[in-house]
PDB file of N, CA and C in Angstrom:
ATOM      1  N   ARG A   1    -121.889  59.450-109.884  1.00  0.00           N
ATOM      2  CA  ARG A   1    -122.687  59.325-111.088  1.00  0.00           C
ATOM      3  C   ARG A   1    -123.769  58.268-110.865  1.00  0.00           C
ATOM      4  N   ALA A   2    -124.938  58.517-111.375  1.00  0.00           N
ATOM      5  CA  ALA A   2    -126.055  57.582-111.241  1.00  0.00           C
ATOM      6  C   ALA A   2    -125.946  56.488-112.290  1.00  0.00           C
ATOM      7  N   THR A   3    -126.513  55.337-111.982  1.00  0.00           N
ATOM      8  CA  THR A   3    -126.434  54.214-112.913  1.00  0.00           C
ATOM      9  C   THR A   3    -127.672  54.085-113.782  1.00  0.00           C
ATOM     10  N   THR A   4    -128.737  54.766-113.443  1.00  0.00           N
ATOM     11  CA  THR A   4    -129.941  54.760-114.271  1.00  0.00           C
ATOM     12  C   THR A   4    -130.551  56.158-114.233  1.00  0.00           C
ATOM     13  N   THR A   5    -131.396  56.441-115.211  1.00  0.00           N
ATOM     14  CA  THR A   5    -132.066  57.749-115.212  1.00  0.00           C
ATOM     15  C   THR A   5    -132.979  57.871-114.006  1.00  0.00           C
ATOM     16  N   THR A   6    -133.563  56.756-113.546  1.00  0.00           N
ATOM     17  CA  THR A   6    -134.412  56.777-112.359  1.00  0.00           C
ATOM     18  C   THR A   6    -133.597  57.175-111.137  1.00  0.00           C
ATOM     19  N   ASN A   7    -132.402  56.610-110.991  1.00  0.00           N
ATOM     20  CA  ASN A   7    -131.542  56.974-109.860  1.00  0.00           C
ATOM     21  C   ASN A   7    -131.146  58.441-109.926  1.00  0.00           C
ATOM     22  N   LEU A   8    -130.916  58.954-111.120  1.00  0.00           N
ATOM     23  CA  LEU A   8    -130.548  60.361-111.263  1.00  0.00           C
ATOM     24  C   LEU A   8    -131.719  61.257-110.846  1.00  0.00           C
ATOM     25  N   LYS A   9    -132.937  60.930-111.277  1.00  0.00           N
ATOM     26  CA  LYS A   9    -134.109  61.704-110.880  1.00  0.00           C
ATOM     27  C   LYS A   9    -134.290  61.660-109.362  1.00  0.00           C
ATOM     28  N   ARG A  10    -134.110  60.480-108.773  1.00  0.00           N
ATOM     29  CA  ARG A  10    -134.250  60.315-107.329  1.00  0.00           C
ATOM     30  C   ARG A  10    -133.183  61.134-106.599  1.00  0.00           C
ATOM     31  N   HIS A  11    -131.958  61.098-107.104  1.00  0.00           N
ATOM     32  CA  HIS A  11    -130.864  61.877-106.519  1.00  0.00           C
ATOM     33  C   HIS A  11    -131.209  63.362-106.505  1.00  0.00           C
ATOM     34  N   LYS A  12    -131.674  63.877-107.632  1.00  0.00           N
ATOM     35  CA  LYS A  12    -132.004  65.301-107.718  1.00  0.00           C
ATOM     36  C   LYS A  12    -133.141  65.661-106.755  1.00  0.00           C
ATOM     37  N   ALA A  13    -134.161  64.823-106.681  1.00  0.00           N
ATOM     38  CA  ALA A  13    -135.297  65.097-105.798  1.00  0.00           C
ATOM     39  C   ALA A  13    -134.858  65.125-104.337  1.00  0.00           C
ATOM     40  N   VAL A  14    -134.038  64.166-103.936  1.00  0.00           N
ATOM     41  CA  VAL A  14    -133.611  64.053-102.541  1.00  0.00           C
ATOM     42  C   VAL A  14    -132.552  65.087-102.182  1.00  0.00           C
ATOM     43  N   LYS A  15    -131.524  65.221-103.005  1.00  0.00           N
ATOM     44  CA  LYS A  15    -130.387  66.077-102.668  1.00  0.00           C
ATOM     45  C   LYS A  15    -130.591  67.542-103.011  1.00  0.00           C
ATOM     46  N   HIS A  16    -131.345  67.835-104.059  1.00  0.00           N
ATOM     47  CA  HIS A  16    -131.450  69.216-104.518  1.00  0.00           C
ATOM     48  C   HIS A  16    -132.838  69.837-104.299  1.00  0.00           C
ATOM     49  N   GLU A  17    -133.866  69.008-104.195  1.00  0.00           N
ATOM     50  CA  GLU A  17    -135.214  69.530-104.000  1.00  0.00           C
ATOM     51  C   GLU A  17    -135.749  69.261-102.594  1.00  0.00           C
ATOM     52  N   GLY A  18    -134.977  68.509-101.783  1.00  0.00           N
ATOM     53  CA  GLY A  18    -135.353  68.265-100.393  1.00  0.00           C
ATOM     54  C   GLY A  18    -136.580  67.394-100.192  1.00  0.00           C
ATOM     55  N   VAL A  19    -136.870  66.496-101.123  1.00  0.00           N
ATOM     56  CA  VAL A  19    -138.046  65.635-101.008  1.00  0.00           C
ATOM     57  C   VAL A  19    -137.838  64.639 -99.858  1.00  0.00           C
ATOM     58  N   ARG A  20    -138.795  64.596 -98.933  1.00  0.00           N
ATOM     59  CA  ARG A  20    -138.739  63.699 -97.786  1.00  0.00           C
ATOM     60  C   ARG A  20    -140.139  63.157 -97.502  1.00  0.00           C
ATOM     61  N   TYR A  21    -140.177  61.964 -96.920  1.00  0.00           N
ATOM     62  CA  TYR A  21    -141.424  61.324 -96.519  1.00  0.00           C
ATOM     63  C   TYR A  21    -141.337  61.070 -95.015  1.00  0.00           C
ATOM     64  N   PRO A  22    -141.941  61.951 -94.187  1.00  0.00           N
ATOM     65  CA  PRO A  22    -141.813  61.809 -92.732  1.00  0.00           C
ATOM     66  C   PRO A  22    -142.747  60.740 -92.159  1.00  0.00           C
ATOM     67  N   CYS A  23    -142.252  60.047 -91.143  1.00  0.00           N
ATOM     68  CA  CYS A  23    -143.060  59.071 -90.420  1.00  0.00           C
ATOM     69  C   CYS A  23    -143.981  59.832 -89.470  1.00  0.00           C
ATOM     70  N   ASP A  24    -145.242  59.417 -89.386  1.00  0.00           N
ATOM     71  CA  ASP A  24    -146.189  60.092 -88.500  1.00  0.00           C
ATOM     72  C   ASP A  24    -146.154  59.537 -87.071  1.00  0.00           C
ATOM     73  N   GLN A  25    -145.218  58.589 -86.826  1.00  0.00           N
ATOM     74  CA  GLN A  25    -145.125  57.981 -85.500  1.00  0.00           C
ATOM     75  C   GLN A  25    -143.787  58.238 -84.801  1.00  0.00           C
ATOM     76  N   CYS A  26    -142.812  58.781 -85.537  1.00  0.00           N
ATOM     77  CA  CYS A  26    -141.507  59.078 -84.950  1.00  0.00           C
ATOM     78  C   CYS A  26    -140.809  60.126 -85.816  1.00  0.00           C
ATOM     79  N   ASP A  27    -139.530  60.404 -85.538  1.00  0.00           N
ATOM     80  CA  ASP A  27    -138.794  61.451 -86.255  1.00  0.00           C
ATOM     81  C   ASP A  27    -138.168  60.985 -87.570  1.00  0.00           C
ATOM     82  N   TYR A  28    -138.354  59.725 -87.930  1.00  0.00           N
ATOM     83  CA  TYR A  28    -137.744  59.187 -89.152  1.00  0.00           C
ATOM     84  C   TYR A  28    -138.277  59.908 -90.389  1.00  0.00           C
ATOM     85  N   GLN A  29    -137.375  60.184 -91.338  1.00  0.00           N
ATOM     86  CA  GLN A  29    -137.758  60.750 -92.633  1.00  0.00           C
ATOM     87  C   GLN A  29    -137.115  59.918 -93.730  1.00  0.00           C
ATOM     88  N   ALA A  30    -137.923  59.392 -94.606  1.00  0.00           N
ATOM     89  CA  ALA A  30    -137.437  58.576 -95.712  1.00  0.00           C
ATOM     90  C   ALA A  30    -137.234  59.436 -96.949  1.00  0.00           C
ATOM     91  N   THR A  31    -136.367  58.980 -97.822  1.00  0.00           N
ATOM     92  CA  THR A  31    -136.154  59.669 -99.088  1.00  0.00           C
ATOM     93  C   THR A  31    -137.012  59.074-100.201  1.00  0.00           C
ATOM     94  N   GLU A  32    -137.650  57.934 -99.916  1.00  0.00           N
ATOM     95  CA  GLU A  32    -138.556  57.297-100.871  1.00  0.00           C
ATOM     96  C   GLU A  32    -139.775  56.808-100.113  1.00  0.00           C
ATOM     97  N   SER A  33    -140.936  56.845-100.750  1.00  0.00           N
ATOM     98  CA  SER A  33    -142.160  56.416-100.077  1.00  0.00           C
ATOM     99  C   SER A  33    -142.099  54.942 -99.695  1.00  0.00           C
ATOM    100  N   ARG A  34    -141.473  54.125-100.533  1.00  0.00           N
ATOM    101  CA  ARG A  34    -141.384  52.693-100.210  1.00  0.00           C
ATOM    102  C   ARG A  34    -140.513  52.463 -98.980  1.00  0.00           C
ATOM    103  N   HIS A  35    -139.490  53.315 -98.771  1.00  0.00           N
ATOM    104  CA  HIS A  35    -138.659  53.186 -97.579  1.00  0.00           C
ATOM    105  C   HIS A  35    -139.449  53.559 -96.327  1.00  0.00           C
ATOM    106  N   LEU A  36    -140.336  54.549 -96.431  1.00  0.00           N
ATOM    107  CA  LEU A  36    -141.191  54.906 -95.299  1.00  0.00           C
ATOM    108  C   LEU A  36    -142.118  53.745 -94.966  1.00  0.00           C
ATOM    109  N   GLN A  37    -142.687  53.130 -95.984  1.00  0.00           N
ATOM    110  CA  GLN A  37    -143.584  51.991 -95.763  1.00  0.00           C
ATOM    111  C   GLN A  37    -142.830  50.842 -95.083  1.00  0.00           C
ATOM    112  N   GLN A  38    -141.612  50.541 -95.558  1.00  0.00           N
ATOM    113  CA  GLN A  38    -140.800  49.480 -94.948  1.00  0.00           C
ATOM    114  C   GLN A  38    -140.461  49.826 -93.501  1.00  0.00           C
ATOM    115  N   HIS A  39    -140.141  51.094 -93.242  1.00  0.00           N
ATOM    116  CA  HIS A  39    -139.833  51.551 -91.893  1.00  0.00           C
ATOM    117  C   HIS A  39    -141.017  51.326 -90.966  1.00  0.00           C
ATOM    118  N   LYS A  40    -142.202  51.735 -91.398  1.00  0.00           N
ATOM    119  CA  LYS A  40    -143.388  51.606 -90.554  1.00  0.00           C
ATOM    120  C   LYS A  40    -143.674  50.142 -90.222  1.00  0.00           C
ATOM    121  N   VAL A  41    -143.561  49.289 -91.212  1.00  0.00           N
ATOM    122  CA  VAL A  41    -143.816  47.869 -90.983  1.00  0.00           C
ATOM    123  C   VAL A  41    -142.798  47.286 -90.009  1.00  0.00           C
ATOM    124  N   SER A  42    -141.521  47.584 -90.224  1.00  0.00           N
ATOM    125  CA  SER A  42    -140.484  46.969 -89.398  1.00  0.00           C
ATOM    126  C   SER A  42    -140.345  47.621 -88.020  1.00  0.00           C
ATOM    127  N   GLN A  43    -140.600  48.920 -87.905  1.00  0.00           N
ATOM    128  CA  GLN A  43    -140.377  49.612 -86.639  1.00  0.00           C
ATOM    129  C   GLN A  43    -141.629  49.794 -85.795  1.00  0.00           C
ATOM    130  N   HIS A  44    -142.785  49.906 -86.425  1.00  0.00           N
ATOM    131  CA  HIS A  44    -143.994  50.219 -85.670  1.00  0.00           C
ATOM    132  C   HIS A  44    -145.032  49.097 -85.681  1.00  0.00           C
ATOM    133  N   ASP A  45    -145.059  48.314 -86.741  1.00  0.00           N
ATOM    134  CA  ASP A  45    -146.037  47.236 -86.820  1.00  0.00           C
ATOM    135  C   ASP A  45    -145.499  45.918 -86.290  1.00  0.00           C
ATOM    136  N   GLY A  46    -144.183  45.818 -86.185  1.00  0.00           N
ATOM    137  CA  GLY A  46    -143.568  44.591 -85.702  1.00  0.00           C
ATOM    138  C   GLY A  46    -143.388  43.559 -86.793  1.00  0.00           C
ATOM    139  N   CYS A  47    -142.563  42.587 -86.514  1.00  0.00           N
ATOM    140  CA  CYS A  47    -142.313  41.498 -87.465  1.00  0.00           C
ATOM    141  C   CYS A  47    -143.405  40.454 -87.287  1.00  0.00           C
ATOM    142  N   LYS A  48    -144.083  40.165 -88.367  1.00  0.00           N
ATOM    143  CA  LYS A  48    -145.238  39.280 -88.299  1.00  0.00           C
ATOM    144  C   LYS A  48    -145.016  37.909 -88.937  1.00  0.00           C
ATOM    145  N   PHE A  49    -143.896  37.732 -89.609  1.00  0.00           N
ATOM    146  CA  PHE A  49    -143.691  36.496 -90.362  1.00  0.00           C
ATOM    147  C   PHE A  49    -142.484  35.747 -89.811  1.00  0.00           C
ATOM    148  N   GLN A  50    -142.734  34.639 -89.128  1.00  0.00           N
ATOM    149  CA  GLN A  50    -141.709  33.831 -88.477  1.00  0.00           C
ATOM    150  C   GLN A  50    -141.247  32.720 -89.417  1.00  0.00           C
ATOM    151  N   CYS A  51    -139.930  32.569 -89.539  1.00  0.00           N
ATOM    152  CA  CYS A  51    -139.375  31.464 -90.321  1.00  0.00           C
ATOM    153  C   CYS A  51    -139.636  30.167 -89.559  1.00  0.00           C
ATOM    154  N   ASP A  52    -140.083  29.141 -90.272  1.00  0.00           N
ATOM    155  CA  ASP A  52    -140.369  27.863 -89.622  1.00  0.00           C
ATOM    156  C   ASP A  52    -139.131  26.978 -89.490  1.00  0.00           C
ATOM    157  N   GLN A  53    -137.967  27.501 -89.927  1.00  0.00           N
ATOM    158  CA  GLN A  53    -136.738  26.713 -89.862  1.00  0.00           C
ATOM    159  C   GLN A  53    -135.675  27.303 -88.934  1.00  0.00           C
ATOM    160  N   CYS A  54    -135.896  28.561 -88.487  1.00  0.00           N
ATOM    161  CA  CYS A  54    -134.952  29.203 -87.572  1.00  0.00           C
ATOM    162  C   CYS A  54    -135.665  30.335 -86.833  1.00  0.00           C
ATOM    163  N   ASN A  55    -134.927  31.144 -86.085  1.00  0.00           N
ATOM    164  CA  ASN A  55    -135.528  32.212 -85.284  1.00  0.00           C
ATOM    165  C   ASN A  55    -135.747  33.513 -86.052  1.00  0.00           C
ATOM    166  N   PHE A  56    -135.477  33.539 -87.334  1.00  0.00           N
ATOM    167  CA  PHE A  56    -135.623  34.757 -88.120  1.00  0.00           C
ATOM    168  C   PHE A  56    -137.085  35.187 -88.193  1.00  0.00           C
ATOM    169  N   GLN A  57    -137.299  36.500 -88.047  1.00  0.00           N
ATOM    170  CA  GLN A  57    -138.635  37.077 -88.224  1.00  0.00           C
ATOM    171  C   GLN A  57    -138.551  38.166 -89.279  1.00  0.00           C
ATOM    172  N   ALA A  58    -139.528  38.189 -90.167  1.00  0.00           N
ATOM    173  CA  ALA A  58    -139.549  39.175 -91.251  1.00  0.00           C
ATOM    174  C   ALA A  58    -140.767  40.083 -91.112  1.00  0.00           C
ATOM    175  N   ALA A  59    -140.595  41.300 -91.612  1.00  0.00           N
ATOM    176  CA  ALA A  59    -141.697  42.266 -91.586  1.00  0.00           C
ATOM    177  C   ALA A  59    -142.683  42.022 -92.720  1.00  0.00           C
ATOM    178  N   THR A  60    -142.236  41.351 -93.786  1.00  0.00           N
ATOM    179  CA  THR A  60    -143.117  41.088 -94.924  1.00  0.00           C
ATOM    180  C   THR A  60    -142.947  39.649 -95.401  1.00  0.00           C
ATOM    181  N   LYS A  61    -143.939  39.151 -96.121  1.00  0.00           N
ATOM    182  CA  LYS A  61    -143.844  37.810 -96.696  1.00  0.00           C
ATOM    183  C   LYS A  61    -142.699  37.728 -97.699  1.00  0.00           C
ATOM    184  N   THR A  62    -142.498  38.811 -98.436  1.00  0.00           N
ATOM    185  CA  THR A  62    -141.431  38.840 -99.441  1.00  0.00           C
ATOM    186  C   THR A  62    -140.067  38.665 -98.789  1.00  0.00           C
ATOM    187  N   TYR A  63    -139.825  39.371 -97.686  1.00  0.00           N
ATOM    188  CA  TYR A  63    -138.543  39.242 -96.982  1.00  0.00           C
ATOM    189  C   TYR A  63    -138.357  37.836 -96.423  1.00  0.00           C
ATOM    190  N   LEU A  64    -139.436  37.236 -95.911  1.00  0.00           N
ATOM    191  CA  LEU A  64    -139.349  35.871 -95.390  1.00  0.00           C
ATOM    192  C   LEU A  64    -139.028  34.891 -96.516  1.00  0.00           C
ATOM    193  N   LYS A  65    -139.671  35.066 -97.653  1.00  0.00           N
ATOM    194  CA  LYS A  65    -139.423  34.193 -98.809  1.00  0.00           C
ATOM    195  C   LYS A  65    -137.966  34.305 -99.262  1.00  0.00           C
ATOM    196  N   MET A  66    -137.446  35.531 -99.325  1.00  0.00           N
ATOM    197  CA  MET A  66    -136.061  35.736 -99.730  1.00  0.00           C
ATOM    198  C   MET A  66    -135.109  35.107 -98.709  1.00  0.00           C
ATOM    199  N   HIS A  67    -135.413  35.267 -97.425  1.00  0.00           N
ATOM    200  CA  HIS A  67    -134.607  34.664 -96.367  1.00  0.00           C
ATOM    201  C   HIS A  67    -134.535  33.149 -96.544  1.00  0.00           C
ATOM    202  N   LYS A  68    -135.678  32.516 -96.730  1.00  0.00           N
ATOM    203  CA  LYS A  68    -135.713  31.057 -96.874  1.00  0.00           C
ATOM    204  C   LYS A  68    -134.925  30.589 -98.091  1.00  0.00           C
ATOM    205  N   LYS A  69    -135.085  31.296 -99.212  1.00  0.00           N
ATOM    206  CA  LYS A  69    -134.371  30.919-100.434  1.00  0.00           C
ATOM    207  C   LYS A  69    -132.865  30.966-100.244  1.00  0.00           C
ATOM    208  N   THR A  70    -132.372  32.063 -99.656  1.00  0.00           N
ATOM    209  CA  THR A  70    -130.922  32.238 -99.544  1.00  0.00           C
ATOM    210  C   THR A  70    -130.309  31.489 -98.377  1.00  0.00           C
ATOM    211  N   LYS A  71    -130.992  31.425 -97.244  1.00  0.00           N
ATOM    212  CA  LYS A  71    -130.412  30.821 -96.040  1.00  0.00           C
ATOM    213  C   LYS A  71    -130.684  29.329 -95.902  1.00  0.00           C
ATOM    214  N   HIS A  72    -131.835  28.869 -96.369  1.00  0.00           N
ATOM    215  CA  HIS A  72    -132.200  27.471 -96.144  1.00  0.00           C
ATOM    216  C   HIS A  72    -132.205  26.626 -97.420  1.00  0.00           C
ATOM    217  N   GLU A  73    -132.445  27.256 -98.558  1.00  0.00           N
ATOM    218  CA  GLU A  73    -132.460  26.514 -99.817  1.00  0.00           C
ATOM    219  C   GLU A  73    -131.165  26.692-100.597  1.00  0.00           C
ATOM    220  N   GLY A  74    -130.318  27.590-100.150  1.00  0.00           N
ATOM    221  CA  GLY A  74    -129.023  27.808-100.797  1.00  0.00           C
ATOM    222  C   GLY A  74    -129.108  28.453-102.162  1.00  0.00           C
ATOM    223  N   ILE A  75    -130.215  29.126-102.452  1.00  0.00           N
ATOM    224  CA  ILE A  75    -130.361  29.755-103.760  1.00  0.00           C
ATOM    225  C   ILE A  75    -129.666  31.110-103.755  1.00  0.00           C
ATOM    226  N   VAL A  76    -128.638  31.219-104.577  1.00  0.00           N
ATOM    227  CA  VAL A  76    -127.914  32.474-104.750  1.00  0.00           C
ATOM    228  C   VAL A  76    -127.676  32.680-106.239  1.00  0.00           C
ATOM    229  N   TYR A  77    -127.362  33.892-106.587  1.00  0.00           N
ATOM    230  CA  TYR A  77    -127.129  34.245-107.983  1.00  0.00           C
ATOM    231  C   TYR A  77    -125.699  34.753-108.101  1.00  0.00           C
ATOM    232  N   PRO A  78    -124.754  33.885-108.518  1.00  0.00           N
ATOM    233  CA  PRO A  78    -123.352  34.292-108.588  1.00  0.00           C
ATOM    234  C   PRO A  78    -123.051  35.133-109.827  1.00  0.00           C
ATOM    235  N   CYS A  79    -122.182  36.111-109.641  1.00  0.00           N
ATOM    236  CA  CYS A  79    -121.706  36.927-110.750  1.00  0.00           C
ATOM    237  C   CYS A  79    -120.673  36.119-111.520  1.00  0.00           C
ATOM    238  N   ASP A  80    -120.752  36.141-112.842  1.00  0.00           N
ATOM    239  CA  ASP A  80    -119.785  35.394-113.658  1.00  0.00           C
ATOM    240  C   ASP A  80    -118.514  36.193-113.933  1.00  0.00           C
ATOM    241  N   GLN A  81    -118.416  37.417-113.354  1.00  0.00           N
ATOM    242  CA  GLN A  81    -117.242  38.252-113.589  1.00  0.00           C
ATOM    243  C   GLN A  81    -116.426  38.503-112.325  1.00  0.00           C
ATOM    244  N   CYS A  82    -116.977  38.128-111.144  1.00  0.00           N
ATOM    245  CA  CYS A  82    -116.248  38.306-109.888  1.00  0.00           C
ATOM    246  C   CYS A  82    -116.832  37.344-108.848  1.00  0.00           C
ATOM    247  N   ASP A  83    -116.447  37.488-107.588  1.00  0.00           N
ATOM    248  CA  ASP A  83    -116.887  36.569-106.536  1.00  0.00           C
ATOM    249  C   ASP A  83    -118.221  36.948-105.885  1.00  0.00           C
ATOM    250  N   TYR A  84    -118.862  38.010-106.349  1.00  0.00           N
ATOM    251  CA  TYR A  84    -120.110  38.473-105.754  1.00  0.00           C
ATOM    252  C   TYR A  84    -121.222  37.444-105.929  1.00  0.00           C
ATOM    253  N   LYS A  85    -122.037  37.284-104.877  1.00  0.00           N
ATOM    254  CA  LYS A  85    -123.210  36.413-104.922  1.00  0.00           C
ATOM    255  C   LYS A  85    -124.400  37.212-104.434  1.00  0.00           C
ATOM    256  N   ALA A  86    -125.439  37.294-105.252  1.00  0.00           N
ATOM    257  CA  ALA A  86    -126.638  38.066-104.924  1.00  0.00           C
ATOM    258  C   ALA A  86    -127.730  37.165-104.369  1.00  0.00           C
ATOM    259  N   SER A  87    -128.630  37.766-103.602  1.00  0.00           N
ATOM    260  CA  SER A  87    -129.757  37.007-103.054  1.00  0.00           C
ATOM    261  C   SER A  87    -130.952  36.993-104.004  1.00  0.00           C
ATOM    262  N   THR A  88    -130.949  37.887-104.995  1.00  0.00           N
ATOM    263  CA  THR A  88    -132.019  37.903-105.992  1.00  0.00           C
ATOM    264  C   THR A  88    -131.411  38.144-107.376  1.00  0.00           C
ATOM    265  N   SER A  89    -132.138  37.758-108.408  1.00  0.00           N
ATOM    266  CA  SER A  89    -131.640  37.995-109.768  1.00  0.00           C
ATOM    267  C   SER A  89    -131.585  39.484-110.063  1.00  0.00           C
ATOM    268  N   GLY A  90    -132.518  40.249-109.493  1.00  0.00           N
ATOM    269  CA  GLY A  90    -132.514  41.699-109.674  1.00  0.00           C
ATOM    270  C   GLY A  90    -131.286  42.357-109.067  1.00  0.00           C
ATOM    271  N   ASN A  91    -130.882  41.879-107.883  1.00  0.00           N
ATOM    272  CA  ASN A  91    -129.671  42.407-107.252  1.00  0.00           C
ATOM    273  C   ASN A  91    -128.433  42.071-108.077  1.00  0.00           C
ATOM    274  N   LEU A  92    -128.398  40.881-108.665  1.00  0.00           N
ATOM    275  CA  LEU A  92    -127.269  40.513-109.517  1.00  0.00           C
ATOM    276  C   LEU A  92    -127.221  41.404-110.747  1.00  0.00           C
ATOM    277  N   LYS A  93    -128.365  41.651-111.350  1.00  0.00           N
ATOM    278  CA  LYS A  93    -128.430  42.511-112.534  1.00  0.00           C
ATOM    279  C   LYS A  93    -127.927  43.919-112.197  1.00  0.00           C
ATOM    280  N   SER A  94    -128.353  44.456-111.056  1.00  0.00           N
ATOM    281  CA  SER A  94    -127.882  45.775-110.626  1.00  0.00           C
ATOM    282  C   SER A  94    -126.380  45.764-110.378  1.00  0.00           C
ATOM    283  N   HIS A  95    -125.885  44.719-109.735  1.00  0.00           N
ATOM    284  CA  HIS A  95    -124.454  44.589-109.462  1.00  0.00           C
ATOM    285  C   HIS A  95    -123.650  44.629-110.752  1.00  0.00           C
ATOM    286  N   ILE A  96    -124.060  43.854-111.749  1.00  0.00           N
ATOM    287  CA  ILE A  96    -123.340  43.803-113.020  1.00  0.00           C
ATOM    288  C   ILE A  96    -123.375  45.156-113.711  1.00  0.00           C
ATOM    289  N   LYS A  97    -124.531  45.784-113.721  1.00  0.00           N
ATOM    290  CA  LYS A  97    -124.664  47.087-114.372  1.00  0.00           C
ATOM    291  C   LYS A  97    -123.751  48.121-113.719  1.00  0.00           C
ATOM    292  N   VAL A  98    -123.728  48.136-112.397  1.00  0.00           N
ATOM    293  CA  VAL A  98    -122.951  49.125-111.653  1.00  0.00           C
ATOM    294  C   VAL A  98    -121.452  48.828-111.680  1.00  0.00           C
ATOM    295  N   ASN A  99    -121.075  47.572-111.468  1.00  0.00           N
ATOM    296  CA  ASN A  99    -119.667  47.239-111.284  1.00  0.00           C
ATOM    297  C   ASN A  99    -118.930  46.788-112.538  1.00  0.00           C
ATOM    298  N   HIS A 100    -119.658  46.298-113.531  1.00  0.00           N
ATOM    299  CA  HIS A 100    -118.977  45.748-114.691  1.00  0.00           C
ATOM    300  C   HIS A 100    -119.342  46.434-116.019  1.00  0.00           C
ATOM    301  N   ASP A 101    -120.535  47.012-116.123  1.00  0.00           N
ATOM    302  CA  ASP A 101    -120.946  47.642-117.376  1.00  0.00           C
ATOM    303  C   ASP A 101    -120.532  49.104-117.466  1.00  0.00           C
ATOM    304  N   GLY A 102    -120.362  49.764-116.327  1.00  0.00           N
ATOM    305  CA  GLY A 102    -119.898  51.149-116.314  1.00  0.00           C
ATOM    306  C   GLY A 102    -120.913  52.172-116.797  1.00  0.00           C
ATOM    307  N   VAL A 103    -122.213  51.874-116.740  1.00  0.00           N
ATOM    308  CA  VAL A 103    -123.238  52.827-117.156  1.00  0.00           C
ATOM    309  C   VAL A 103    -123.346  53.919-116.101  1.00  0.00           C
ATOM    310  N   ARG A 104    -123.260  55.192-116.507  1.00  0.00           N
ATOM    311  CA  ARG A 104    -123.311  56.323-115.576  1.00  0.00           C
ATOM    312  C   ARG A 104    -124.090  57.489-116.190  1.00  0.00           C
ATOM    313  N   TYR A 105    -124.819  58.197-115.336  1.00  0.00           N
ATOM    314  CA  TYR A 105    -125.528  59.418-115.723  1.00  0.00           C
ATOM    315  C   TYR A 105    -125.141  60.492-114.725  1.00  0.00           C
ATOM    316  N   PRO A 106    -124.339  61.480-115.123  1.00  0.00           N
ATOM    317  CA  PRO A 106    -123.889  62.494-114.158  1.00  0.00           C
ATOM    318  C   PRO A 106    -124.985  63.490-113.799  1.00  0.00           C
ATOM    319  N   CYS A 107    -124.960  63.950-112.554  1.00  0.00           N
ATOM    320  CA  CYS A 107    -125.869  64.995-112.096  1.00  0.00           C
ATOM    321  C   CYS A 107    -125.360  66.331-112.632  1.00  0.00           C
ATOM    322  N   ASP A 108    -126.275  67.153-113.148  1.00  0.00           N
ATOM    323  CA  ASP A 108    -125.865  68.448-113.692  1.00  0.00           C
ATOM    324  C   ASP A 108    -125.873  69.556-112.638  1.00  0.00           C
ATOM    325  N   GLN A 109    -126.174  69.194-111.369  1.00  0.00           N
ATOM    326  CA  GLN A 109    -126.236  70.194-110.309  1.00  0.00           C
ATOM    327  C   GLN A 109    -125.166  70.036-109.240  1.00  0.00           C
ATOM    328  N   CYS A 110    -124.462  68.911-109.275  1.00  0.00           N
ATOM    329  CA  CYS A 110    -123.417  68.677-108.279  1.00  0.00           C
ATOM    330  C   CYS A 110    -122.478  67.584-108.787  1.00  0.00           C
ATOM    331  N   PRO A 111    -121.372  67.337-108.066  1.00  0.00           N
ATOM    332  CA  PRO A 111    -120.435  66.284-108.493  1.00  0.00           C
ATOM    333  C   PRO A 111    -120.852  64.889-107.999  1.00  0.00           C
ATOM    334  N   PHE A 112    -122.119  64.546-108.122  1.00  0.00           N
ATOM    335  CA  PHE A 112    -122.655  63.253-107.695  1.00  0.00           C
ATOM    336  C   PHE A 112    -121.875  62.119-108.347  1.00  0.00           C
ATOM    337  N   LYS A 113    -121.297  61.229-107.525  1.00  0.00           N
ATOM    338  CA  LYS A 113    -120.479  60.150-108.054  1.00  0.00           C
ATOM    339  C   LYS A 113    -120.864  58.777-107.499  1.00  0.00           C
ATOM    340  N   GLY A 114    -121.971  58.682-106.787  1.00  0.00           N
ATOM    341  CA  GLY A 114    -122.374  57.399-106.224  1.00  0.00           C
ATOM    342  C   GLY A 114    -122.763  56.409-107.302  1.00  0.00           C
ATOM    343  N   ARG A 115    -122.511  55.149-107.007  1.00  0.00           N
ATOM    344  CA  ARG A 115    -122.901  54.117-107.971  1.00  0.00           C
ATOM    345  C   ARG A 115    -124.405  53.880-107.934  1.00  0.00           C
ATOM    346  N   LEU A 116    -124.965  53.836-106.732  1.00  0.00           N
ATOM    347  CA  LEU A 116    -126.401  53.719-106.539  1.00  0.00           C
ATOM    348  C   LEU A 116    -126.807  54.723-105.478  1.00  0.00           C
ATOM    349  N   LEU A 117    -127.997  55.253-105.566  1.00  0.00           N
ATOM    350  CA  LEU A 117    -128.449  56.253-104.611  1.00  0.00           C
ATOM    351  C   LEU A 117    -128.428  55.702-103.181  1.00  0.00           C
ATOM    352  N   GLN A 118    -128.834  54.455-103.016  1.00  0.00           N
ATOM    353  CA  GLN A 118    -128.894  53.906-101.660  1.00  0.00           C
ATOM    354  C   GLN A 118    -127.518  53.732-101.034  1.00  0.00           C
ATOM    355  N   HIS A 119    -126.435  53.871-101.809  1.00  0.00           N
ATOM    356  CA  HIS A 119    -125.085  53.778-101.249  1.00  0.00           C
ATOM    357  C   HIS A 119    -124.598  55.102-100.710  1.00  0.00           C
ATOM    358  N   LEU A 120    -125.341  56.187-100.921  1.00  0.00           N
ATOM    359  CA  LEU A 120    -124.898  57.512-100.463  1.00  0.00           C
ATOM    360  C   LEU A 120    -125.191  57.706 -98.996  1.00  0.00           C
TER     361      LEU A 120
END
């Protein structure tokens, strides 16, 4: 079951309509355009952002910023209902919605039971 209407729409497009975003440089096919963009940056453009505190390299400034916050500044977002700790407030919100709120939208074309599309 999907946790949001957006996830349900994405599930139907990927699983039932065969929507794919192919890479023009290799055989990779993404199920979302943003995943194709992330793939191209990380696999074909190389990592361009070096952490100044360790050997970590990120493909985007956003990933480097998140790395620094969680690994070097100790910023985490703990769940108040279990031991889970998220690296972003958005990830914590998704975790709570999926694991503690029980919000679900069933697919009308198959027995889709995933909590989030990216977990399938």
